[in-house]
Amino acid sequence: MASVKIENLTYIYNQKTRYEKKALDNVNFEIKAGESIGIMGRAGSGKSTLITLLKGLRKPTSRGYIYW
């Protein structure tokens, strides 16, 4: 299993509209091979957005990288 590194990850819904909503802002972390993590937070905090970015279903909007 490979490690995953997230650098400066930002995701904005409805970018450049009046409904713009920043879901993730400058997120940074690393999960090393063999580690297990949990993702917790209140509703609307960006958990599902982070997972869809990790799965490749979305791309970061303004900046950020996901290294596998």
PDB file of N, CA and C in Angstrom:
ATOM      1  N   MET A   1       0.843  -1.187   0.000  1.00  0.00           N
ATOM      2  CA  MET A   1       0.000   0.000   0.000  1.00  0.00           C
ATOM      3  C   MET A   1       0.884   1.246   0.000  1.00  0.00           C
ATOM      4  N   ALA A   2       0.561   2.202  -0.818  1.00  0.00           N
ATOM      5  CA  ALA A   2       1.337   3.438  -0.943  1.00  0.00           C
ATOM      6  C   ALA A   2       0.835   4.494   0.035  1.00  0.00           C
ATOM      7  N   SER A   3       1.678   5.463   0.313  1.00  0.00           N
ATOM      8  CA  SER A   3       1.242   6.575   1.153  1.00  0.00           C
ATOM      9  C   SER A   3       0.499   7.606   0.304  1.00  0.00           C
ATOM     10  N   VAL A   4      -0.247   8.468   0.980  1.00  0.00           N
ATOM     11  CA  VAL A   4      -0.997   9.539   0.317  1.00  0.00           C
ATOM     12  C   VAL A   4      -0.585  10.844   0.979  1.00  0.00           C
ATOM     13  N   LYS A   5      -0.248  11.833   0.168  1.00  0.00           N
ATOM     14  CA  LYS A   5       0.130  13.148   0.685  1.00  0.00           C
ATOM     15  C   LYS A   5      -0.750  14.205   0.041  1.00  0.00           C
ATOM     16  N   ILE A   6      -1.349  15.041   0.862  1.00  0.00           N
ATOM     17  CA  ILE A   6      -2.214  16.131   0.419  1.00  0.00           C
ATOM     18  C   ILE A   6      -1.489  17.446   0.718  1.00  0.00           C
ATOM     19  N   GLU A   7      -1.383  18.301  -0.279  1.00  0.00           N
ATOM     20  CA  GLU A   7      -0.716  19.598  -0.099  1.00  0.00           C
ATOM     21  C   GLU A   7      -1.591  20.734  -0.623  1.00  0.00           C
ATOM     22  N   ASN A   8      -1.870  21.689   0.229  1.00  0.00           N
ATOM     23  CA  ASN A   8      -2.562  22.929  -0.138  1.00  0.00           C
ATOM     24  C   ASN A   8      -3.858  22.680  -0.909  1.00  0.00           C
ATOM     25  N   LEU A   9      -4.609  21.683  -0.512  1.00  0.00           N
ATOM     26  CA  LEU A   9      -5.824  21.288  -1.214  1.00  0.00           C
ATOM     27  C   LEU A   9      -6.975  22.248  -0.921  1.00  0.00           C
ATOM     28  N   THR A  10      -7.566  22.792  -1.975  1.00  0.00           N
ATOM     29  CA  THR A  10      -8.701  23.707  -1.869  1.00  0.00           C
ATOM     30  C   THR A  10      -9.782  23.248  -2.842  1.00  0.00           C
ATOM     31  N   TYR A  11     -11.028  23.273  -2.369  1.00  0.00           N
ATOM     32  CA  TYR A  11     -12.152  22.970  -3.256  1.00  0.00           C
ATOM     33  C   TYR A  11     -13.272  23.959  -2.989  1.00  0.00           C
ATOM     34  N   ILE A  12     -13.788  24.564  -4.067  1.00  0.00           N
ATOM     35  CA  ILE A  12     -14.854  25.563  -3.980  1.00  0.00           C
ATOM     36  C   ILE A  12     -16.015  25.106  -4.850  1.00  0.00           C
ATOM     37  N   TYR A  13     -17.188  24.982  -4.242  1.00  0.00           N
ATOM     38  CA  TYR A  13     -18.407  24.662  -4.999  1.00  0.00           C
ATOM     39  C   TYR A  13     -18.928  25.929  -5.666  1.00  0.00           C
ATOM     40  N   ASN A  14     -19.503  25.787  -6.850  1.00  0.00           N
ATOM     41  CA  ASN A  14     -20.115  26.897  -7.593  1.00  0.00           C
ATOM     42  C   ASN A  14     -19.173  28.093  -7.715  1.00  0.00           C
ATOM     43  N   GLN A  15     -17.940  27.796  -8.056  1.00  0.00           N
ATOM     44  CA  GLN A  15     -16.917  28.834  -8.144  1.00  0.00           C
ATOM     45  C   GLN A  15     -17.312  29.930  -9.129  1.00  0.00           C
ATOM     46  N   LYS A  16     -17.045  31.159  -8.739  1.00  0.00           N
ATOM     47  CA  LYS A  16     -17.304  32.372  -9.531  1.00  0.00           C
ATOM     48  C   LYS A  16     -18.792  32.614  -9.781  1.00  0.00           C
ATOM     49  N   THR A  17     -19.618  32.177  -8.830  1.00  0.00           N
ATOM     50  CA  THR A  17     -21.040  32.507  -8.856  1.00  0.00           C
ATOM     51  C   THR A  17     -21.387  33.114  -7.502  1.00  0.00           C
ATOM     52  N   ARG A  18     -22.576  33.644  -7.396  1.00  0.00           N
ATOM     53  CA  ARG A  18     -22.962  34.213  -6.096  1.00  0.00           C
ATOM     54  C   ARG A  18     -23.232  33.134  -5.048  1.00  0.00           C
ATOM     55  N   TYR A  19     -23.272  31.853  -5.475  1.00  0.00           N
ATOM     56  CA  TYR A  19     -23.493  30.734  -4.552  1.00  0.00           C
ATOM     57  C   TYR A  19     -22.189  30.038  -4.164  1.00  0.00           C
ATOM     58  N   GLU A  20     -21.079  30.683  -4.443  1.00  0.00           N
ATOM     59  CA  GLU A  20     -19.768  30.103  -4.156  1.00  0.00           C
ATOM     60  C   GLU A  20     -19.650  29.703  -2.687  1.00  0.00           C
ATOM     61  N   LYS A  21     -19.117  28.495  -2.439  1.00  0.00           N
ATOM     62  CA  LYS A  21     -18.955  27.986  -1.075  1.00  0.00           C
ATOM     63  C   LYS A  21     -17.641  27.216  -1.006  1.00  0.00           C
ATOM     64  N   LYS A  22     -16.737  27.668  -0.143  1.00  0.00           N
ATOM     65  CA  LYS A  22     -15.444  27.006   0.014  1.00  0.00           C
ATOM     66  C   LYS A  22     -15.632  25.819   0.957  1.00  0.00           C
ATOM     67  N   ALA A  23     -15.423  24.612   0.439  1.00  0.00           N
ATOM     68  CA  ALA A  23     -15.589  23.397   1.241  1.00  0.00           C
ATOM     69  C   ALA A  23     -14.288  23.006   1.932  1.00  0.00           C
ATOM     70  N   LEU A  24     -13.171  23.161   1.246  1.00  0.00           N
ATOM     71  CA  LEU A  24     -11.853  22.859   1.799  1.00  0.00           C
ATOM     72  C   LEU A  24     -10.926  24.023   1.474  1.00  0.00           C
ATOM     73  N   ASP A  25     -10.106  24.400   2.432  1.00  0.00           N
ATOM     74  CA  ASP A  25      -9.218  25.544   2.231  1.00  0.00           C
ATOM     75  C   ASP A  25      -7.821  25.224   2.744  1.00  0.00           C
ATOM     76  N   ASN A  26      -6.890  25.028   1.821  1.00  0.00           N
ATOM     77  CA  ASN A  26      -5.483  24.828   2.145  1.00  0.00           C
ATOM     78  C   ASN A  26      -5.261  23.644   3.101  1.00  0.00           C
ATOM     79  N   VAL A  27      -5.802  22.488   2.769  1.00  0.00           N
ATOM     80  CA  VAL A  27      -5.688  21.285   3.596  1.00  0.00           C
ATOM     81  C   VAL A  27      -4.359  20.594   3.306  1.00  0.00           C
ATOM     82  N   ASN A  28      -3.665  20.190   4.385  1.00  0.00           N
ATOM     83  CA  ASN A  28      -2.379  19.503   4.277  1.00  0.00           C
ATOM     84  C   ASN A  28      -2.335  18.343   5.262  1.00  0.00           C
ATOM     85  N   PHE A  29      -1.986  17.144   4.785  1.00  0.00           N
ATOM     86  CA  PHE A  29      -1.730  16.007   5.667  1.00  0.00           C
ATOM     87  C   PHE A  29      -1.115  14.869   4.868  1.00  0.00           C
ATOM     88  N   GLU A  30      -0.608  13.873   5.587  1.00  0.00           N
ATOM     89  CA  GLU A  30      -0.023  12.697   4.951  1.00  0.00           C
ATOM     90  C   GLU A  30      -0.503  11.460   5.696  1.00  0.00           C
ATOM     91  N   ILE A  31      -0.862  10.438   4.925  1.00  0.00           N
ATOM     92  CA  ILE A  31      -1.218   9.133   5.481  1.00  0.00           C
ATOM     93  C   ILE A  31      -0.162   8.169   4.984  1.00  0.00           C
ATOM     94  N   LYS A  32       0.620   7.631   5.903  1.00  0.00           N
ATOM     95  CA  LYS A  32       1.706   6.732   5.516  1.00  0.00           C
ATOM     96  C   LYS A  32       1.179   5.320   5.315  1.00  0.00           C
ATOM     97  N   ALA A  33       1.896   4.548   4.516  1.00  0.00           N
ATOM     98  CA  ALA A  33       1.517   3.167   4.222  1.00  0.00           C
ATOM     99  C   ALA A  33       1.284   2.405   5.521  1.00  0.00           C
ATOM    100  N   GLY A  34       0.161   1.712   5.604  1.00  0.00           N
ATOM    101  CA  GLY A  34      -0.177   0.915   6.780  1.00  0.00           C
ATOM    102  C   GLY A  34      -0.935   1.658   7.863  1.00  0.00           C
ATOM    103  N   GLU A  35      -1.037   2.977   7.773  1.00  0.00           N
ATOM    104  CA  GLU A  35      -1.766   3.765   8.767  1.00  0.00           C
ATOM    105  C   GLU A  35      -3.268   3.712   8.496  1.00  0.00           C
ATOM    106  N   SER A  36      -4.038   3.822   9.549  1.00  0.00           N
ATOM    107  CA  SER A  36      -5.496   3.961   9.445  1.00  0.00           C
ATOM    108  C   SER A  36      -5.879   5.308  10.033  1.00  0.00           C
ATOM    109  N   ILE A  37      -6.852   5.965   9.401  1.00  0.00           N
ATOM    110  CA  ILE A  37      -7.296   7.254   9.905  1.00  0.00           C
ATOM    111  C   ILE A  37      -8.815   7.269   9.991  1.00  0.00           C
ATOM    112  N   GLY A  38      -9.339   8.218  10.713  1.00  0.00           N
ATOM    113  CA  GLY A  38     -10.770   8.489  10.751  1.00  0.00           C
ATOM    114  C   GLY A  38     -10.981   9.951  10.389  1.00  0.00           C
ATOM    115  N   ILE A  39     -12.078  10.237   9.740  1.00  0.00           N
ATOM    116  CA  ILE A  39     -12.401  11.613   9.369  1.00  0.00           C
ATOM    117  C   ILE A  39     -13.676  11.995  10.098  1.00  0.00           C
ATOM    118  N   MET A  40     -13.572  13.009  10.954  1.00  0.00           N
ATOM    119  CA  MET A  40     -14.708  13.445  11.758  1.00  0.00           C
ATOM    120  C   MET A  40     -14.942  14.933  11.561  1.00  0.00           C
ATOM    121  N   GLY A  41     -16.180  15.342  11.744  1.00  0.00           N
ATOM    122  CA  GLY A  41     -16.512  16.753  11.667  1.00  0.00           C
ATOM    123  C   GLY A  41     -18.011  16.929  11.579  1.00  0.00           C
ATOM    124  N   ARG A  42     -18.446  18.141  11.799  1.00  0.00           N
ATOM    125  CA  ARG A  42     -19.883  18.410  11.757  1.00  0.00           C
ATOM    126  C   ARG A  42     -20.377  18.413  10.319  1.00  0.00           C
ATOM    127  N   ALA A  43     -21.668  18.401  10.163  1.00  0.00           N
ATOM    128  CA  ALA A  43     -22.276  18.432   8.820  1.00  0.00           C
ATOM    129  C   ALA A  43     -21.793  19.673   8.078  1.00  0.00           C
ATOM    130  N   GLY A  44     -21.425  19.491   6.825  1.00  0.00           N
ATOM    131  CA  GLY A  44     -20.980  20.620   6.013  1.00  0.00           C
ATOM    132  C   GLY A  44     -19.527  20.994   6.191  1.00  0.00           C
ATOM    133  N   SER A  45     -18.745  20.169   6.889  1.00  0.00           N
ATOM    134  CA  SER A  45     -17.355  20.535   7.150  1.00  0.00           C
ATOM    135  C   SER A  45     -16.381  20.101   6.056  1.00  0.00           C
ATOM    136  N   GLY A  46     -16.856  19.345   5.037  1.00  0.00           N
ATOM    137  CA  GLY A  46     -15.998  18.985   3.914  1.00  0.00           C
ATOM    138  C   GLY A  46     -15.532  17.536   3.885  1.00  0.00           C
ATOM    139  N   LYS A  47     -16.061  16.693   4.757  1.00  0.00           N
ATOM    140  CA  LYS A  47     -15.641  15.288   4.800  1.00  0.00           C
ATOM    141  C   LYS A  47     -15.897  14.565   3.478  1.00  0.00           C
ATOM    142  N   SER A  48     -17.107  14.633   2.986  1.00  0.00           N
ATOM    143  CA  SER A  48     -17.455  13.950   1.735  1.00  0.00           C
ATOM    144  C   SER A  48     -16.713  14.556   0.550  1.00  0.00           C
ATOM    145  N   THR A  49     -16.522  15.846   0.558  1.00  0.00           N
ATOM    146  CA  THR A  49     -15.758  16.508  -0.509  1.00  0.00           C
ATOM    147  C   THR A  49     -14.329  15.980  -0.523  1.00  0.00           C
ATOM    148  N   LEU A  50     -13.716  15.848   0.639  1.00  0.00           N
ATOM    149  CA  LEU A  50     -12.355  15.318   0.728  1.00  0.00           C
ATOM    150  C   LEU A  50     -12.291  13.901   0.164  1.00  0.00           C
ATOM    151  N   ILE A  51     -13.243  13.054   0.519  1.00  0.00           N
ATOM    152  CA  ILE A  51     -13.242  11.678   0.028  1.00  0.00           C
ATOM    153  C   ILE A  51     -13.407  11.632  -1.494  1.00  0.00           C
ATOM    154  N   THR A  52     -14.299  12.459  -2.043  1.00  0.00           N
ATOM    155  CA  THR A  52     -14.485  12.452  -3.501  1.00  0.00           C
ATOM    156  C   THR A  52     -13.230  12.957  -4.223  1.00  0.00           C
ATOM    157  N   LEU A  53     -12.501  13.872  -3.601  1.00  0.00           N
ATOM    158  CA  LEU A  53     -11.230  14.318  -4.175  1.00  0.00           C
ATOM    159  C   LEU A  53     -10.202  13.190  -4.127  1.00  0.00           C
ATOM    160  N   LEU A  54     -10.137  12.463  -3.017  1.00  0.00           N
ATOM    161  CA  LEU A  54      -9.195  11.357  -2.890  1.00  0.00           C
ATOM    162  C   LEU A  54      -9.507  10.238  -3.883  1.00  0.00           C
ATOM    163  N   LYS A  55     -10.776  10.023  -4.162  1.00  0.00           N
ATOM    164  CA  LYS A  55     -11.175   8.981  -5.113  1.00  0.00           C
ATOM    165  C   LYS A  55     -11.018   9.428  -6.563  1.00  0.00           C
ATOM    166  N   GLY A  56     -10.730  10.701  -6.796  1.00  0.00           N
ATOM    167  CA  GLY A  56     -10.564  11.212  -8.146  1.00  0.00           C
ATOM    168  C   GLY A  56     -11.866  11.597  -8.834  1.00  0.00           C
ATOM    169  N   LEU A  57     -12.952  11.683  -8.072  1.00  0.00           N
ATOM    170  CA  LEU A  57     -14.242  12.056  -8.639  1.00  0.00           C
ATOM    171  C   LEU A  57     -14.377  13.567  -8.814  1.00  0.00           C
ATOM    172  N   ARG A  58     -13.542  14.319  -8.130  1.00  0.00           N
ATOM    173  CA  ARG A  58     -13.465  15.779  -8.267  1.00  0.00           C
ATOM    174  C   ARG A  58     -11.995  16.154  -8.386  1.00  0.00           C
ATOM    175  N   LYS A  59     -11.748  17.358  -8.883  1.00  0.00           N
ATOM    176  CA  LYS A  59     -10.388  17.888  -8.956  1.00  0.00           C
ATOM    177  C   LYS A  59     -10.327  19.158  -8.114  1.00  0.00           C
ATOM    178  N   PRO A  60      -9.189  19.419  -7.470  1.00  0.00           N
ATOM    179  CA  PRO A  60      -9.056  20.667  -6.713  1.00  0.00           C
ATOM    180  C   PRO A  60      -9.370  21.862  -7.610  1.00  0.00           C
ATOM    181  N   THR A  61     -10.010  22.888  -7.056  1.00  0.00           N
ATOM    182  CA  THR A  61     -10.428  24.008  -7.893  1.00  0.00           C
ATOM    183  C   THR A  61      -9.330  25.027  -8.138  1.00  0.00           C
ATOM    184  N   SER A  62      -8.702  25.536  -7.113  1.00  0.00           N
ATOM    185  CA  SER A  62      -7.775  26.633  -7.351  1.00  0.00           C
ATOM    186  C   SER A  62      -6.313  26.249  -7.136  1.00  0.00           C
ATOM    187  N   ARG A  63      -6.063  25.334  -6.276  1.00  0.00           N
ATOM    188  CA  ARG A  63      -4.692  24.893  -6.043  1.00  0.00           C
ATOM    189  C   ARG A  63      -4.744  23.587  -5.250  1.00  0.00           C
ATOM    190  N   GLY A  64      -3.633  22.958  -5.111  1.00  0.00           N
ATOM    191  CA  GLY A  64      -3.559  21.758  -4.303  1.00  0.00           C
ATOM    192  C   GLY A  64      -3.168  20.529  -5.090  1.00  0.00           C
ATOM    193  N   TYR A  65      -2.561  19.601  -4.378  1.00  0.00           N
ATOM    194  CA  TYR A  65      -2.065  18.382  -5.000  1.00  0.00           C
ATOM    195  C   TYR A  65      -2.376  17.180  -4.117  1.00  0.00           C
ATOM    196  N   ILE A  66      -2.607  16.043  -4.770  1.00  0.00           N
ATOM    197  CA  ILE A  66      -2.767  14.760  -4.092  1.00  0.00           C
ATOM    198  C   ILE A  66      -1.729  13.834  -4.709  1.00  0.00           C
ATOM    199  N   TYR A  67      -0.792  13.371  -3.886  1.00  0.00           N
ATOM    200  CA  TYR A  67       0.274  12.473  -4.350  1.00  0.00           C
ATOM    201  C   TYR A  67      -0.015  11.076  -3.833  1.00  0.00           C
ATOM    202  N   TRP A  68       0.028  10.084  -4.713  1.00  0.00           N
ATOM    203  CA  TRP A  68      -0.162   8.680  -4.328  1.00  0.00           C
ATOM    204  C   TRP A  68       1.155   7.970  -4.350  1.00  0.00           C
TER     205      TRP A  68
END
